[in-house]
Amino acid sequence: MPSPVASTPVLAADTVQVTDSAVVRPARDSSAVFVPQYIHGFERSTPLRESDPLKDLQETIIAIPEGFDAAPIPDSPTNNSLLVSIVMVVFLLFAFTFKKGTKFLGEIFNSVLNVKERQSLFDDSTVRETQLRAVLLSMTFVSEGYCLYLLLSQAMPTLTLSVGAGVCCGTLIAALYYLLQKWLYRGLGLLFTDASHTRKWVESFISINAIISLPIALPVLLMIFLPPWQPTLLLLVGAIYAISRILFIYKGFKIFYRNILDLFYFIVYFCALEITPLFWVYKSSVLIYNFVELKLQQL
């Protein structure tokens, strides 16, 4: 007689019972064998040759691309703040002082070639005209200083002086050369002629140096902002400067020439004060630039 307690049902051999579940699934075959599918690693198109996928994945995630060393921006006239500031200051000074200065510019042009006895051009100059003359001379010095820096940078490839510092040195040299010439002409005039002719000669020198600032300023600005044109524009500036010196020599010849003997003195003057000082300025400029470069490197 069967027991009153319910007996556990007997399951088939190919089925198993899941506890607390009414799902019945087939039993696993213990004779099944696991066959690996990727013995030599996962296939990929990366250039890495490692065979460990986990290591490859880790390297791919944490790999940081290598950069390159930063190089400073090359120093040039357009990105040199000092040079641009000098050009802007000189331009603004000229714009503010040029008001009603057309008449004075005309008087300067007339004084270049006029040798007649007349009142000095600068005797009754107003404050505005004096300021305009000073600004024009400053423009001449800056333009000549920039051209001098370009010439020296081409003649001295090892020159590492910045454009702004080089133009400042060139401007200072041009101003000192102007003052030296002015006092030499005054002393030479008082030595060989009277005060009236000396005054006209010195006035002509000042007028020519002031008036060439206008034709020189435009090529210099083009050289600053259009560097490929520098060789041609530098020749143009040199031609303008040569023409100004020819005008000054012509004015001096008309003032001092009286007889054939004066021609000998004029030739001596031409060699002593027009040719020799140019070589002196070049040699002195090389020394000054080397000295300034050395001092800036020590800072």
Protein backbone atom coordinates (compact mmCIF):
# COMPACT_ATOMS: atom_id res chain seq x y z
CA MET A 1 0.00 0.00 0.00
CA PRO A 2 1.49 3.30 -0.94
CA SER A 3 2.67 5.78 1.69
CA PRO A 4 0.47 8.79 2.37
CA VAL A 5 3.45 11.14 1.75
CA ALA A 6 3.70 12.19 -1.85
CA SER A 7 6.78 10.77 -3.44
CA THR A 8 9.09 12.79 -5.63
CA PRO A 9 8.34 12.24 -9.25
CA VAL A 10 10.98 10.42 -11.19
CA LEU A 11 12.25 12.46 -14.10
CA ALA A 12 13.55 11.22 -17.27
CA ALA A 13 17.26 10.75 -17.71
CA ASP A 14 17.56 13.55 -20.21
CA THR A 15 15.84 16.21 -18.08
CA VAL A 16 16.72 18.16 -14.89
CA GLN A 17 14.51 20.01 -12.47
CA VAL A 18 15.26 23.62 -11.56
CA THR A 19 14.54 24.55 -7.94
CA ASP A 20 11.65 26.94 -7.42
CA SER A 21 11.00 26.94 -11.09
CA ALA A 22 8.59 25.19 -13.26
CA VAL A 23 10.95 25.32 -16.27
CA VAL A 24 12.42 22.07 -17.27
CA ARG A 25 15.33 22.05 -19.72
CA PRO A 26 17.42 19.35 -21.22
CA ALA A 27 20.53 18.30 -19.37
CA ARG A 28 23.96 19.20 -20.82
CA ASP A 29 25.96 16.63 -22.56
CA SER A 30 29.06 16.00 -20.48
CA SER A 31 30.82 14.67 -23.48
CA ALA A 32 30.89 18.15 -25.29
CA VAL A 33 34.41 19.64 -25.91
CA PHE A 34 35.18 23.44 -26.03
CA VAL A 35 36.92 24.41 -29.23
CA PRO A 36 38.65 27.90 -29.19
CA GLN A 37 37.91 29.98 -32.23
CA TYR A 38 40.64 32.74 -32.02
CA ILE A 39 43.86 30.93 -31.24
CA HIS A 40 46.11 33.56 -32.79
CA GLY A 41 44.19 36.63 -31.56
CA PHE A 42 41.55 38.85 -33.08
CA GLU A 43 42.01 40.05 -36.61
CA ARG A 44 42.54 43.81 -36.91
CA SER A 45 43.90 46.45 -39.28
CA THR A 46 46.06 48.38 -36.79
CA PRO A 47 49.84 48.48 -37.36
CA LEU A 48 50.49 46.92 -33.92
CA ARG A 49 51.95 43.43 -33.95
CA GLU A 50 50.99 42.36 -30.43
CA SER A 51 48.81 39.27 -30.14
CA ASP A 52 47.21 40.02 -26.79
CA PRO A 53 43.84 41.73 -27.50
CA LEU A 54 43.51 43.08 -23.97
CA LYS A 55 46.96 44.65 -24.12
CA ASP A 56 46.29 46.07 -27.56
CA LEU A 57 43.05 47.63 -26.37
CA GLN A 58 44.77 49.15 -23.35
CA GLU A 59 47.57 50.61 -25.47
CA THR A 60 45.07 52.02 -27.92
CA ILE A 61 43.17 53.78 -25.17
CA ILE A 62 46.09 55.29 -23.23
CA ALA A 63 48.33 56.09 -26.21
CA ILE A 64 49.06 59.86 -26.42
CA PRO A 65 50.28 61.15 -29.78
CA GLU A 66 53.66 62.84 -29.65
CA GLY A 67 53.85 66.49 -30.73
CA PHE A 68 56.76 68.58 -31.97
CA ASP A 69 58.92 71.25 -30.43
CA ALA A 70 57.44 74.74 -30.64
CA ALA A 71 59.43 77.19 -32.75
CA PRO A 72 59.28 80.95 -32.12
CA ILE A 73 57.72 83.15 -34.78
CA PRO A 74 60.47 84.55 -37.02
CA ASP A 75 61.25 88.19 -36.31
CA SER A 76 60.09 90.36 -39.19
CA PRO A 77 59.16 94.05 -39.62
CA THR A 78 55.44 93.30 -39.68
CA ASN A 79 55.32 91.42 -36.37
CA ASN A 80 57.85 93.56 -34.49
CA SER A 81 55.85 95.74 -32.12
CA LEU A 82 58.68 98.25 -31.57
CA LEU A 83 59.11 99.02 -35.26
CA VAL A 84 55.37 99.27 -35.88
CA SER A 85 55.07 101.61 -32.88
CA ILE A 86 57.84 103.86 -34.21
CA VAL A 87 56.20 104.04 -37.63
CA MET A 88 52.79 104.84 -36.12
CA VAL A 89 54.18 107.54 -33.82
CA VAL A 90 56.07 109.27 -36.64
CA PHE A 91 53.04 109.10 -38.93
CA LEU A 92 50.72 110.56 -36.28
CA LEU A 93 53.17 113.36 -35.50
CA PHE A 94 53.39 114.20 -39.19
CA ALA A 95 49.58 114.14 -39.54
CA PHE A 96 49.10 116.52 -36.58
CA THR A 97 51.85 118.96 -37.57
CA PHE A 98 51.20 119.01 -41.33
CA LYS A 99 48.11 121.21 -40.93
CA LYS A 100 48.71 124.45 -42.85
CA GLY A 101 52.25 123.27 -43.60
CA THR A 102 51.99 123.26 -47.41
CA LYS A 103 53.33 126.82 -47.65
CA PHE A 104 56.32 125.93 -45.51
CA LEU A 105 57.07 122.90 -47.69
CA GLY A 106 57.05 125.19 -50.73
CA GLU A 107 59.54 127.49 -49.03
CA ILE A 108 61.78 124.50 -48.31
CA PHE A 109 61.71 123.50 -51.99
CA ASN A 110 62.61 127.05 -53.03
CA SER A 111 65.47 127.24 -50.55
CA VAL A 112 67.12 124.13 -51.96
CA LEU A 113 68.27 125.75 -55.20
CA ASN A 114 67.92 129.47 -54.43
CA VAL A 115 71.24 131.23 -53.75
CA LYS A 116 70.03 134.83 -53.81
CA GLU A 117 70.51 137.07 -50.84
CA ARG A 118 67.34 136.92 -48.80
CA GLN A 119 66.12 136.55 -45.27
CA SER A 120 66.87 133.23 -43.63
CA LEU A 121 64.18 130.61 -44.05
CA PHE A 122 64.20 129.74 -40.37
CA ASP A 123 64.50 133.22 -38.88
CA ASP A 124 60.75 133.86 -38.63
CA SER A 125 59.51 130.28 -38.52
CA THR A 126 56.48 129.70 -36.34
CA VAL A 127 56.25 127.02 -33.71
CA ARG A 128 54.19 124.83 -36.04
CA GLU A 129 56.74 125.14 -38.84
CA THR A 130 59.54 124.31 -36.43
CA GLN A 131 57.63 121.26 -35.27
CA LEU A 132 56.98 120.20 -38.87
CA ARG A 133 60.66 120.53 -39.71
CA ALA A 134 61.59 118.42 -36.67
CA VAL A 135 59.03 115.73 -37.64
CA LEU A 136 60.30 115.65 -41.22
CA LEU A 137 63.86 115.22 -40.01
CA SER A 138 62.70 112.43 -37.68
CA MET A 139 61.05 110.68 -40.61
CA THR A 140 64.31 110.96 -42.54
CA PHE A 141 66.32 109.49 -39.65
CA VAL A 142 63.91 106.56 -39.17
CA SER A 143 63.86 105.79 -42.90
CA GLU A 144 67.63 105.95 -43.17
CA GLY A 145 67.96 103.85 -40.01
CA TYR A 146 65.73 101.13 -41.43
CA CYS A 147 67.67 101.06 -44.71
CA LEU A 148 70.96 100.97 -42.81
CA TYR A 149 69.71 98.01 -40.79
CA LEU A 150 68.74 96.15 -43.97
CA LEU A 151 72.15 96.77 -45.52
CA LEU A 152 74.00 95.60 -42.42
CA SER A 153 71.79 92.53 -42.00
CA GLN A 154 72.66 91.51 -45.57
CA ALA A 155 76.36 92.23 -45.08
CA MET A 156 76.43 90.50 -41.66
CA PRO A 157 74.49 87.21 -41.87
CA THR A 158 75.41 86.43 -38.25
CA LEU A 159 73.62 89.52 -36.96
CA THR A 160 70.90 88.38 -34.53
CA LEU A 161 69.71 91.81 -33.45
CA SER A 162 65.92 92.19 -33.62
CA VAL A 163 64.35 94.44 -36.22
CA GLY A 164 63.14 97.00 -33.69
CA ALA A 165 66.50 97.30 -31.94
CA GLY A 166 68.30 97.38 -35.29
CA VAL A 167 66.13 100.22 -36.59
CA CYS A 168 66.63 102.18 -33.34
CA CYS A 169 70.41 101.84 -33.68
CA GLY A 170 70.26 102.84 -37.34
CA THR A 171 68.09 105.87 -36.52
CA LEU A 172 70.55 106.99 -33.85
CA ILE A 173 73.48 106.63 -36.27
CA ALA A 174 71.63 108.64 -38.96
CA ALA A 175 70.83 111.42 -36.47
CA LEU A 176 74.43 111.60 -35.22
CA TYR A 177 75.73 111.65 -38.79
CA TYR A 178 73.36 114.51 -39.61
CA LEU A 179 74.50 116.57 -36.61
CA LEU A 180 78.16 115.90 -37.39
CA GLN A 181 77.72 117.00 -41.00
CA LYS A 182 75.80 120.10 -39.95
CA TRP A 183 78.55 121.32 -37.63
CA LEU A 184 81.29 120.43 -40.12
CA TYR A 185 79.57 122.42 -42.87
CA ARG A 186 79.12 125.35 -40.54
CA GLY A 187 82.75 125.34 -39.50
CA LEU A 188 83.97 124.86 -43.07
CA GLY A 189 81.75 127.69 -44.31
CA LEU A 190 82.99 130.13 -41.69
CA LEU A 191 86.55 129.13 -42.58
CA PHE A 192 86.30 129.78 -46.32
CA THR A 193 83.49 132.35 -46.67
CA ASP A 194 81.35 134.78 -44.70
CA ALA A 195 78.50 134.12 -42.28
CA SER A 196 75.78 134.89 -44.85
CA HIS A 197 76.90 132.26 -47.35
CA THR A 198 77.51 129.78 -44.54
CA ARG A 199 74.00 130.28 -43.26
CA LYS A 200 72.51 129.67 -46.70
CA TRP A 201 74.63 126.55 -47.12
CA VAL A 202 73.57 125.10 -43.79
CA GLU A 203 69.92 126.02 -44.49
CA SER A 204 70.14 124.13 -47.77
CA PHE A 205 71.53 121.10 -45.95
CA ILE A 206 68.69 121.17 -43.39
CA SER A 207 66.05 121.70 -46.08
CA ILE A 208 67.25 118.81 -48.23
CA ASN A 209 67.37 116.41 -45.28
CA ALA A 210 63.86 117.48 -44.26
CA ILE A 211 62.30 117.31 -47.71
CA ILE A 212 63.64 113.88 -48.72
CA SER A 213 61.64 112.35 -45.86
CA LEU A 214 58.54 112.39 -48.08
CA PRO A 215 59.89 110.50 -51.14
CA ILE A 216 61.83 108.07 -48.91
CA ALA A 217 58.99 107.29 -46.50
CA LEU A 218 56.81 105.56 -49.11
CA PRO A 219 59.45 103.04 -50.29
CA VAL A 220 60.36 102.32 -46.67
CA LEU A 221 56.72 101.58 -45.80
CA LEU A 222 56.49 99.27 -48.79
CA MET A 223 59.67 97.50 -47.70
CA ILE A 224 58.19 96.94 -44.23
CA PHE A 225 54.93 95.39 -45.44
CA LEU A 226 56.17 93.88 -48.74
CA PRO A 227 59.49 92.17 -47.94
CA PRO A 228 59.92 90.57 -51.42
CA TRP A 229 60.26 94.08 -52.88
CA GLN A 230 63.10 95.06 -50.56
CA PRO A 231 66.02 94.84 -53.06
CA THR A 232 64.31 97.02 -55.67
CA LEU A 233 62.98 99.54 -53.15
CA LEU A 234 66.35 99.72 -51.41
CA LEU A 235 67.93 100.72 -54.71
CA LEU A 236 65.21 103.35 -55.14
CA VAL A 237 65.93 104.80 -51.70
CA GLY A 238 69.64 104.86 -52.51
CA ALA A 239 68.90 106.73 -55.75
CA ILE A 240 66.77 109.31 -53.90
CA TYR A 241 69.51 109.84 -51.33
CA ALA A 242 72.14 110.21 -54.08
CA ILE A 243 69.98 112.81 -55.86
CA SER A 244 69.62 114.77 -52.62
CA ARG A 245 73.39 114.80 -52.15
CA ILE A 246 73.86 115.95 -55.75
CA LEU A 247 71.43 118.82 -55.14
CA PHE A 248 73.30 119.83 -52.01
CA ILE A 249 76.66 119.69 -53.80
CA TYR A 250 75.22 121.79 -56.61
CA LYS A 251 73.97 124.34 -54.10
CA GLY A 252 77.37 124.50 -52.41
CA PHE A 253 79.12 124.87 -55.76
CA LYS A 254 76.91 127.82 -56.70
CA ILE A 255 77.54 129.46 -53.34
CA PHE A 256 81.31 129.08 -53.12
CA TYR A 257 82.57 128.99 -56.69
CA ARG A 258 84.26 132.24 -57.68
CA ASN A 259 87.27 131.26 -59.82
CA ILE A 260 89.16 128.25 -61.07
CA LEU A 261 91.12 127.96 -57.82
CA ASP A 262 87.89 127.36 -55.92
CA LEU A 263 87.40 124.21 -57.97
CA PHE A 264 90.41 122.63 -56.28
CA TYR A 265 89.00 123.38 -52.84
CA PHE A 266 85.64 122.01 -53.94
CA ILE A 267 87.22 118.72 -55.01
CA VAL A 268 88.99 118.46 -51.67
CA TYR A 269 85.71 119.18 -49.89
CA PHE A 270 83.90 116.56 -51.97
CA CYS A 271 86.40 113.84 -51.07
CA ALA A 272 86.71 114.85 -47.42
CA LEU A 273 83.05 115.44 -46.52
CA GLU A 274 80.99 113.50 -49.06
CA ILE A 275 82.83 110.23 -49.75
CA THR A 276 85.08 109.48 -46.78
CA PRO A 277 82.34 109.91 -44.13
CA LEU A 278 80.24 107.22 -45.82
CA PHE A 279 82.96 104.61 -45.22
CA TRP A 280 83.37 105.91 -41.69
CA VAL A 281 79.63 105.57 -41.06
CA TYR A 282 79.63 101.98 -42.37
CA LYS A 283 82.56 100.89 -40.20
CA SER A 284 81.15 102.66 -37.16
CA SER A 285 77.74 101.09 -37.75
CA VAL A 286 79.24 97.60 -37.75
CA LEU A 287 80.98 98.30 -34.43
CA ILE A 288 77.85 99.84 -32.88
CA TYR A 289 75.62 96.95 -33.96
CA ASN A 290 78.08 94.37 -32.63
CA PHE A 291 78.33 96.25 -29.33
CA VAL A 292 74.55 96.53 -28.91
CA GLU A 293 74.07 92.87 -29.84
CA LEU A 294 76.67 91.82 -27.27
CA LYS A 295 75.05 93.92 -24.54
CA LEU A 296 71.56 92.59 -25.29
CA GLN A 297 72.82 89.00 -25.12
CA GLN A 298 74.31 89.68 -21.67
CA LEU A 299 70.98 90.91 -20.29
